[in-house]
Amino acid sequence: MLTTTLSFQNMHQHGDLFVNLLRARRNSFIVKNNWRLPEAEGMEFDQYDTPASRWIAVHENGEVLAGVRLTPTTARVGMYTYMIRDAQRGMLESIPSDLMDFEAPVDPKIWEASRIFVSNAVPARLRKKVQGDLMYEMIRTARSLGAQKIIAFGPAVWPRWIGRLGLRAKPAGPVMELDGVRVQVAVMDLDPRLH
């Protein structure tokens, strides 16, 4: 099992991994969760998949087992910034604007994690390892990019999920249900003394 951080600068070195990650995202969010998201040629993508982002994939033999997208909260492409902030600004009709308890930050030391998933194909005996590999690579990558915090919009079990891995995250907004899935914003402090 491998864990790889992809960027626009290195994805050419990893064959079909980026394409397989977008296919796994489609399977997780469009097929499994029935979310209405952009898709083409069997891949899920959106306006936040830009050169400013990084994508982390846990993979084995060409199959993506888990993934997450990291985007700086300073990102700006046309009218878009990052998912949590744009939702809060009322720009995303599929995500309520009251998803956070405070104003979405714009800070080079804070990165957003989104499109967090673990494939249903991962057997129960391997889930904790896959989750751990994903989270530890996300933390390592974010720190290498200068992040001190990660703000995440993902499954509402996120703080409990990473707690089992010895990591800490605090809820930063209400638990809400989107298309039958419970989601929540959480903040993870990347202080090395905590992780």
C-alpha atoms as a PDB file:
ATOM      1  CA  MET A   1       0.000   0.000   0.000  1.00  0.00           C
ATOM      2  CA  LEU A   2       1.389   3.418  -1.020  1.00  0.00           C
ATOM      3  CA  THR A   3       0.483   6.988  -0.119  1.00  0.00           C
ATOM      4  CA  THR A   4       1.200   9.693  -2.689  1.00  0.00           C
ATOM      5  CA  THR A   5       0.738  13.457  -2.690  1.00  0.00           C
ATOM      6  CA  LEU A   6      -0.058  14.734  -6.158  1.00  0.00           C
ATOM      7  CA  SER A   7       0.306  18.238  -7.536  1.00  0.00           C
ATOM      8  CA  PHE A   8       0.102  19.708 -11.027  1.00  0.00           C
ATOM      9  CA  GLN A   9       3.902  19.699 -11.020  1.00  0.00           C
ATOM     10  CA  ASN A  10       4.362  15.991 -10.249  1.00  0.00           C
ATOM     11  CA  MET A  11       1.235  14.187 -11.482  1.00  0.00           C
ATOM     12  CA  HIS A  12       2.966  13.288 -14.759  1.00  0.00           C
ATOM     13  CA  GLN A  13       5.337  11.102 -12.713  1.00  0.00           C
ATOM     14  CA  HIS A  14       2.496   8.941 -11.348  1.00  0.00           C
ATOM     15  CA  GLY A  15       0.834   7.554 -14.454  1.00  0.00           C
ATOM     16  CA  ASP A  16      -2.954   7.207 -14.115  1.00  0.00           C
ATOM     17  CA  LEU A  17      -3.046   7.890 -10.367  1.00  0.00           C
ATOM     18  CA  PHE A  18      -4.727  11.313 -10.638  1.00  0.00           C
ATOM     19  CA  VAL A  19      -7.329   9.959 -13.076  1.00  0.00           C
ATOM     20  CA  ASN A  20      -7.907   6.959 -10.780  1.00  0.00           C
ATOM     21  CA  LEU A  21      -8.312   9.317  -7.807  1.00  0.00           C
ATOM     22  CA  LEU A  22     -10.990  11.317  -9.652  1.00  0.00           C
ATOM     23  CA  ARG A  23     -12.707   8.057 -10.625  1.00  0.00           C
ATOM     24  CA  ALA A  24     -12.640   6.889  -6.992  1.00  0.00           C
ATOM     25  CA  ARG A  25     -14.093  10.261  -5.929  1.00  0.00           C
ATOM     26  CA  ARG A  26     -16.902   9.803  -8.463  1.00  0.00           C
ATOM     27  CA  ASN A  27     -17.600   6.336  -7.093  1.00  0.00           C
ATOM     28  CA  SER A  28     -17.634   7.615  -3.518  1.00  0.00           C
ATOM     29  CA  PHE A  29     -19.553  10.884  -3.932  1.00  0.00           C
ATOM     30  CA  ILE A  30     -21.731  10.480  -7.032  1.00  0.00           C
ATOM     31  CA  VAL A  31     -22.416   6.740  -7.153  1.00  0.00           C
ATOM     32  CA  LYS A  32     -22.449   5.901  -3.417  1.00  0.00           C
ATOM     33  CA  ASN A  33     -23.678   9.190  -1.896  1.00  0.00           C
ATOM     34  CA  ASN A  34     -25.795  10.213  -4.897  1.00  0.00           C
ATOM     35  CA  TRP A  35     -24.447  13.781  -4.786  1.00  0.00           C
ATOM     36  CA  ARG A  36     -25.059  15.971  -7.823  1.00  0.00           C
ATOM     37  CA  LEU A  37     -21.499  16.938  -8.726  1.00  0.00           C
ATOM     38  CA  PRO A  38     -19.697  17.658 -11.994  1.00  0.00           C
ATOM     39  CA  GLU A  39     -18.423  14.578 -13.776  1.00  0.00           C
ATOM     40  CA  ALA A  40     -16.929  13.636 -17.124  1.00  0.00           C
ATOM     41  CA  GLU A  41     -15.538  10.394 -18.504  1.00  0.00           C
ATOM     42  CA  GLY A  42     -16.166   8.594 -15.209  1.00  0.00           C
ATOM     43  CA  MET A  43     -14.354  11.213 -13.090  1.00  0.00           C
ATOM     44  CA  GLU A  44     -15.673  13.651 -10.455  1.00  0.00           C
ATOM     45  CA  PHE A  45     -14.109  17.116 -10.351  1.00  0.00           C
ATOM     46  CA  ASP A  46     -15.021  20.690  -9.543  1.00  0.00           C
ATOM     47  CA  GLN A  47     -13.766  24.267  -9.706  1.00  0.00           C
ATOM     48  CA  TYR A  48     -11.477  23.675  -6.707  1.00  0.00           C
ATOM     49  CA  ASP A  49      -9.274  21.137  -8.491  1.00  0.00           C
ATOM     50  CA  THR A  50      -6.711  23.760  -9.514  1.00  0.00           C
ATOM     51  CA  PRO A  51      -2.903  24.082  -9.611  1.00  0.00           C
ATOM     52  CA  ALA A  52      -3.089  25.557  -6.078  1.00  0.00           C
ATOM     53  CA  SER A  53      -4.391  22.247  -4.683  1.00  0.00           C
ATOM     54  CA  ARG A  54      -2.713  19.003  -3.670  1.00  0.00           C
ATOM     55  CA  TRP A  55      -4.349  15.577  -3.762  1.00  0.00           C
ATOM     56  CA  ILE A  56      -3.434  12.719  -1.482  1.00  0.00           C
ATOM     57  CA  ALA A  57      -4.147   9.157  -2.540  1.00  0.00           C
ATOM     58  CA  VAL A  58      -3.752   5.915  -0.635  1.00  0.00           C
ATOM     59  CA  HIS A  59      -3.443   3.302  -3.364  1.00  0.00           C
ATOM     60  CA  GLU A  60      -2.452  -0.248  -4.151  1.00  0.00           C
ATOM     61  CA  ASN A  61      -1.978  -1.923  -7.534  1.00  0.00           C
ATOM     62  CA  GLY A  62      -3.587   1.019  -9.355  1.00  0.00           C
ATOM     63  CA  GLU A  63      -6.674   1.092  -7.112  1.00  0.00           C
ATOM     64  CA  VAL A  64      -7.286   4.229  -5.054  1.00  0.00           C
ATOM     65  CA  LEU A  65      -8.405   3.237  -1.558  1.00  0.00           C
ATOM     66  CA  ALA A  66      -8.771   6.721  -0.044  1.00  0.00           C
ATOM     67  CA  GLY A  67      -8.185  10.349  -0.887  1.00  0.00           C
ATOM     68  CA  VAL A  68      -8.376  13.963   0.148  1.00  0.00           C
ATOM     69  CA  ARG A  69      -7.839  17.323  -1.551  1.00  0.00           C
ATOM     70  CA  LEU A  70      -5.878  20.123   0.154  1.00  0.00           C
ATOM     71  CA  THR A  71      -6.383  23.730  -0.962  1.00  0.00           C
ATOM     72  CA  PRO A  72      -4.874  26.868   0.554  1.00  0.00           C
ATOM     73  CA  THR A  73      -7.438  29.222   2.079  1.00  0.00           C
ATOM     74  CA  THR A  74      -5.701  31.989   0.100  1.00  0.00           C
ATOM     75  CA  ALA A  75      -6.675  30.329  -3.219  1.00  0.00           C
ATOM     76  CA  ARG A  76      -8.554  32.393  -5.741  1.00  0.00           C
ATOM     77  CA  VAL A  77      -9.594  31.386  -9.266  1.00  0.00           C
ATOM     78  CA  GLY A  78     -11.934  33.879 -10.853  1.00  0.00           C
ATOM     79  CA  MET A  79     -14.826  34.345  -8.439  1.00  0.00           C
ATOM     80  CA  TYR A  80     -14.026  31.152  -6.482  1.00  0.00           C
ATOM     81  CA  THR A  81     -11.794  30.786  -3.417  1.00  0.00           C
ATOM     82  CA  TYR A  82     -12.165  27.486  -1.535  1.00  0.00           C
ATOM     83  CA  MET A  83     -15.228  25.326  -0.909  1.00  0.00           C
ATOM     84  CA  ILE A  84     -16.002  26.172   2.735  1.00  0.00           C
ATOM     85  CA  ARG A  85     -15.586  29.921   2.208  1.00  0.00           C
ATOM     86  CA  ASP A  86     -17.595  29.954  -1.017  1.00  0.00           C
ATOM     87  CA  ALA A  87     -20.391  27.974   0.669  1.00  0.00           C
ATOM     88  CA  GLN A  88     -20.404  30.452   3.543  1.00  0.00           C
ATOM     89  CA  ARG A  89     -20.605  33.305   1.013  1.00  0.00           C
ATOM     90  CA  GLY A  90     -23.747  31.661  -0.470  1.00  0.00           C
ATOM     91  CA  MET A  91     -22.065  30.709  -3.746  1.00  0.00           C
ATOM     92  CA  LEU A  92     -22.749  26.954  -3.589  1.00  0.00           C
ATOM     93  CA  GLU A  93     -26.409  26.044  -3.660  1.00  0.00           C
ATOM     94  CA  SER A  94     -25.724  22.466  -2.521  1.00  0.00           C
ATOM     95  CA  ILE A  95     -24.022  23.517   0.755  1.00  0.00           C
ATOM     96  CA  PRO A  96     -25.772  25.732   3.340  1.00  0.00           C
ATOM     97  CA  SER A  97     -24.073  29.044   4.143  1.00  0.00           C
ATOM     98  CA  ASP A  98     -24.320  28.469   7.916  1.00  0.00           C
ATOM     99  CA  LEU A  99     -21.857  25.556   7.852  1.00  0.00           C
ATOM    100  CA  MET A 100     -19.351  27.264  10.197  1.00  0.00           C
ATOM    101  CA  ASP A 101     -19.425  28.948  13.605  1.00  0.00           C
ATOM    102  CA  PHE A 102     -17.043  31.733  12.497  1.00  0.00           C
ATOM    103  CA  GLU A 103     -15.969  33.527   9.326  1.00  0.00           C
ATOM    104  CA  ALA A 104     -14.030  31.287   6.952  1.00  0.00           C
ATOM    105  CA  PRO A 105     -10.341  32.200   7.206  1.00  0.00           C
ATOM    106  CA  VAL A 106      -8.062  33.517   4.484  1.00  0.00           C
ATOM    107  CA  ASP A 107      -4.625  32.705   5.841  1.00  0.00           C
ATOM    108  CA  PRO A 108      -1.538  31.106   4.214  1.00  0.00           C
ATOM    109  CA  LYS A 109      -1.089  28.999   7.371  1.00  0.00           C
ATOM    110  CA  ILE A 110      -4.556  27.423   7.060  1.00  0.00           C
ATOM    111  CA  TRP A 111      -5.395  24.900   4.327  1.00  0.00           C
ATOM    112  CA  GLU A 112      -8.754  23.315   3.534  1.00  0.00           C
ATOM    113  CA  ALA A 113      -9.237  19.544   3.286  1.00  0.00           C
ATOM    114  CA  SER A 114     -12.181  18.482   1.148  1.00  0.00           C
ATOM    115  CA  ARG A 115     -13.399  15.498  -0.857  1.00  0.00           C
ATOM    116  CA  ILE A 116     -12.280  13.195   1.973  1.00  0.00           C
ATOM    117  CA  PHE A 117     -13.196   9.563   1.350  1.00  0.00           C
ATOM    118  CA  VAL A 118     -12.292   5.951   2.013  1.00  0.00           C
ATOM    119  CA  SER A 119     -13.489   3.521  -0.645  1.00  0.00           C
ATOM    120  CA  ASN A 120     -16.229   1.055   0.262  1.00  0.00           C
ATOM    121  CA  ALA A 121     -13.978  -1.590  -1.264  1.00  0.00           C
ATOM    122  CA  VAL A 122     -11.547  -1.287   1.677  1.00  0.00           C
ATOM    123  CA  PRO A 123     -12.172  -4.259   3.982  1.00  0.00           C
ATOM    124  CA  ALA A 124     -12.981  -3.497   7.643  1.00  0.00           C
ATOM    125  CA  ARG A 125      -9.679  -5.049   8.797  1.00  0.00           C
ATOM    126  CA  LEU A 126      -7.719  -2.480   6.710  1.00  0.00           C
ATOM    127  CA  ARG A 127      -9.860   0.650   7.239  1.00  0.00           C
ATOM    128  CA  LYS A 128      -7.962   1.998  10.252  1.00  0.00           C
ATOM    129  CA  LYS A 129      -4.615   1.602   8.458  1.00  0.00           C
ATOM    130  CA  VAL A 130      -5.944   3.270   5.300  1.00  0.00           C
ATOM    131  CA  GLN A 131      -7.459   6.125   7.333  1.00  0.00           C
ATOM    132  CA  GLY A 132      -4.221   6.533   9.269  1.00  0.00           C
ATOM    133  CA  ASP A 133      -2.060   6.565   6.129  1.00  0.00           C
ATOM    134  CA  LEU A 134      -4.359   9.175   4.587  1.00  0.00           C
ATOM    135  CA  MET A 135      -4.396  11.441   7.650  1.00  0.00           C
ATOM    136  CA  TYR A 136      -0.668  11.206   8.374  1.00  0.00           C
ATOM    137  CA  GLU A 137       0.219  12.023   4.754  1.00  0.00           C
ATOM    138  CA  MET A 138      -2.294  14.899   4.784  1.00  0.00           C
ATOM    139  CA  ILE A 139      -0.633  16.315   7.934  1.00  0.00           C
ATOM    140  CA  ARG A 140       2.876  15.813   6.533  1.00  0.00           C
ATOM    141  CA  THR A 141       1.965  17.460   3.232  1.00  0.00           C
ATOM    142  CA  ALA A 142       0.129  20.371   4.854  1.00  0.00           C
ATOM    143  CA  ARG A 143       3.054  21.054   7.188  1.00  0.00           C
ATOM    144  CA  SER A 144       5.493  20.942   4.248  1.00  0.00           C
ATOM    145  CA  LEU A 145       3.368  23.641   2.581  1.00  0.00           C
ATOM    146  CA  GLY A 146       3.542  25.873   5.678  1.00  0.00           C
ATOM    147  CA  ALA A 147       0.137  25.017   7.136  1.00  0.00           C
ATOM    148  CA  GLN A 148      -0.412  25.233  10.866  1.00  0.00           C
ATOM    149  CA  LYS A 149      -4.093  24.272  10.708  1.00  0.00           C
ATOM    150  CA  ILE A 150      -6.402  22.330   8.441  1.00  0.00           C
ATOM    151  CA  ILE A 151     -10.047  23.235   8.125  1.00  0.00           C
ATOM    152  CA  ALA A 152     -12.083  20.359   6.762  1.00  0.00           C
ATOM    153  CA  PHE A 153     -15.556  19.787   5.416  1.00  0.00           C
ATOM    154  CA  GLY A 154     -16.241  16.110   5.513  1.00  0.00           C
ATOM    155  CA  PRO A 155     -18.034  13.276   7.245  1.00  0.00           C
ATOM    156  CA  ALA A 156     -19.425  14.310  10.638  1.00  0.00           C
ATOM    157  CA  VAL A 157     -17.494  11.409  12.162  1.00  0.00           C
ATOM    158  CA  TRP A 158     -14.244  13.202  11.208  1.00  0.00           C
ATOM    159  CA  PRO A 159     -13.236  14.324  14.755  1.00  0.00           C
ATOM    160  CA  ARG A 160     -14.036  10.873  16.211  1.00  0.00           C
ATOM    161  CA  TRP A 161     -12.493   9.082  13.211  1.00  0.00           C
ATOM    162  CA  ILE A 162      -9.135  10.789  13.627  1.00  0.00           C
ATOM    163  CA  GLY A 163      -9.364  10.529  17.426  1.00  0.00           C
ATOM    164  CA  ARG A 164      -8.985   6.762  17.036  1.00  0.00           C
ATOM    165  CA  LEU A 165      -5.714   7.512  15.238  1.00  0.00           C
ATOM    166  CA  GLY A 166      -4.418   9.616  18.120  1.00  0.00           C
ATOM    167  CA  LEU A 167      -5.110  12.878  16.275  1.00  0.00           C
ATOM    168  CA  ARG A 168      -7.311  15.805  17.326  1.00  0.00           C
ATOM    169  CA  ALA A 169      -9.864  17.942  15.532  1.00  0.00           C
ATOM    170  CA  LYS A 170     -12.502  20.279  16.917  1.00  0.00           C
ATOM    171  CA  PRO A 171     -15.940  20.774  15.383  1.00  0.00           C
ATOM    172  CA  ALA A 172     -16.233  24.226  13.801  1.00  0.00           C
ATOM    173  CA  GLY A 173     -19.857  24.143  12.733  1.00  0.00           C
ATOM    174  CA  PRO A 174     -23.110  22.243  13.075  1.00  0.00           C
ATOM    175  CA  VAL A 175     -23.640  18.684  11.909  1.00  0.00           C
ATOM    176  CA  MET A 176     -25.794  18.866   8.795  1.00  0.00           C
ATOM    177  CA  GLU A 177     -27.200  16.356   6.392  1.00  0.00           C
ATOM    178  CA  LEU A 178     -26.451  16.727   2.698  1.00  0.00           C
ATOM    179  CA  ASP A 179     -28.168  14.243   0.427  1.00  0.00           C
ATOM    180  CA  GLY A 180     -28.460  11.726   3.259  1.00  0.00           C
ATOM    181  CA  VAL A 181     -24.858  12.075   4.497  1.00  0.00           C
ATOM    182  CA  ARG A 182     -24.002  13.716   7.833  1.00  0.00           C
ATOM    183  CA  VAL A 183     -21.223  16.275   7.327  1.00  0.00           C
ATOM    184  CA  GLN A 184     -19.490  18.907   9.442  1.00  0.00           C
ATOM    185  CA  VAL A 185     -16.667  21.433   9.367  1.00  0.00           C
ATOM    186  CA  ALA A 186     -13.788  20.671  11.753  1.00  0.00           C
ATOM    187  CA  VAL A 187     -10.420  22.294  12.474  1.00  0.00           C
ATOM    188  CA  MET A 188      -7.216  20.358  13.089  1.00  0.00           C
ATOM    189  CA  ASP A 189      -4.279  22.118  14.722  1.00  0.00           C
ATOM    190  CA  LEU A 190      -1.032  20.844  13.181  1.00  0.00           C
ATOM    191  CA  ASP A 191       1.146  21.780  16.154  1.00  0.00           C
ATOM    192  CA  PRO A 192       3.785  19.000  16.256  1.00  0.00           C
ATOM    193  CA  ARG A 193       3.277  18.693  20.021  1.00  0.00           C
ATOM    194  CA  LEU A 194      -0.265  17.462  19.334  1.00  0.00           C
ATOM    195  CA  HIS A 195       0.534  14.964  16.555  1.00  0.00           C
END
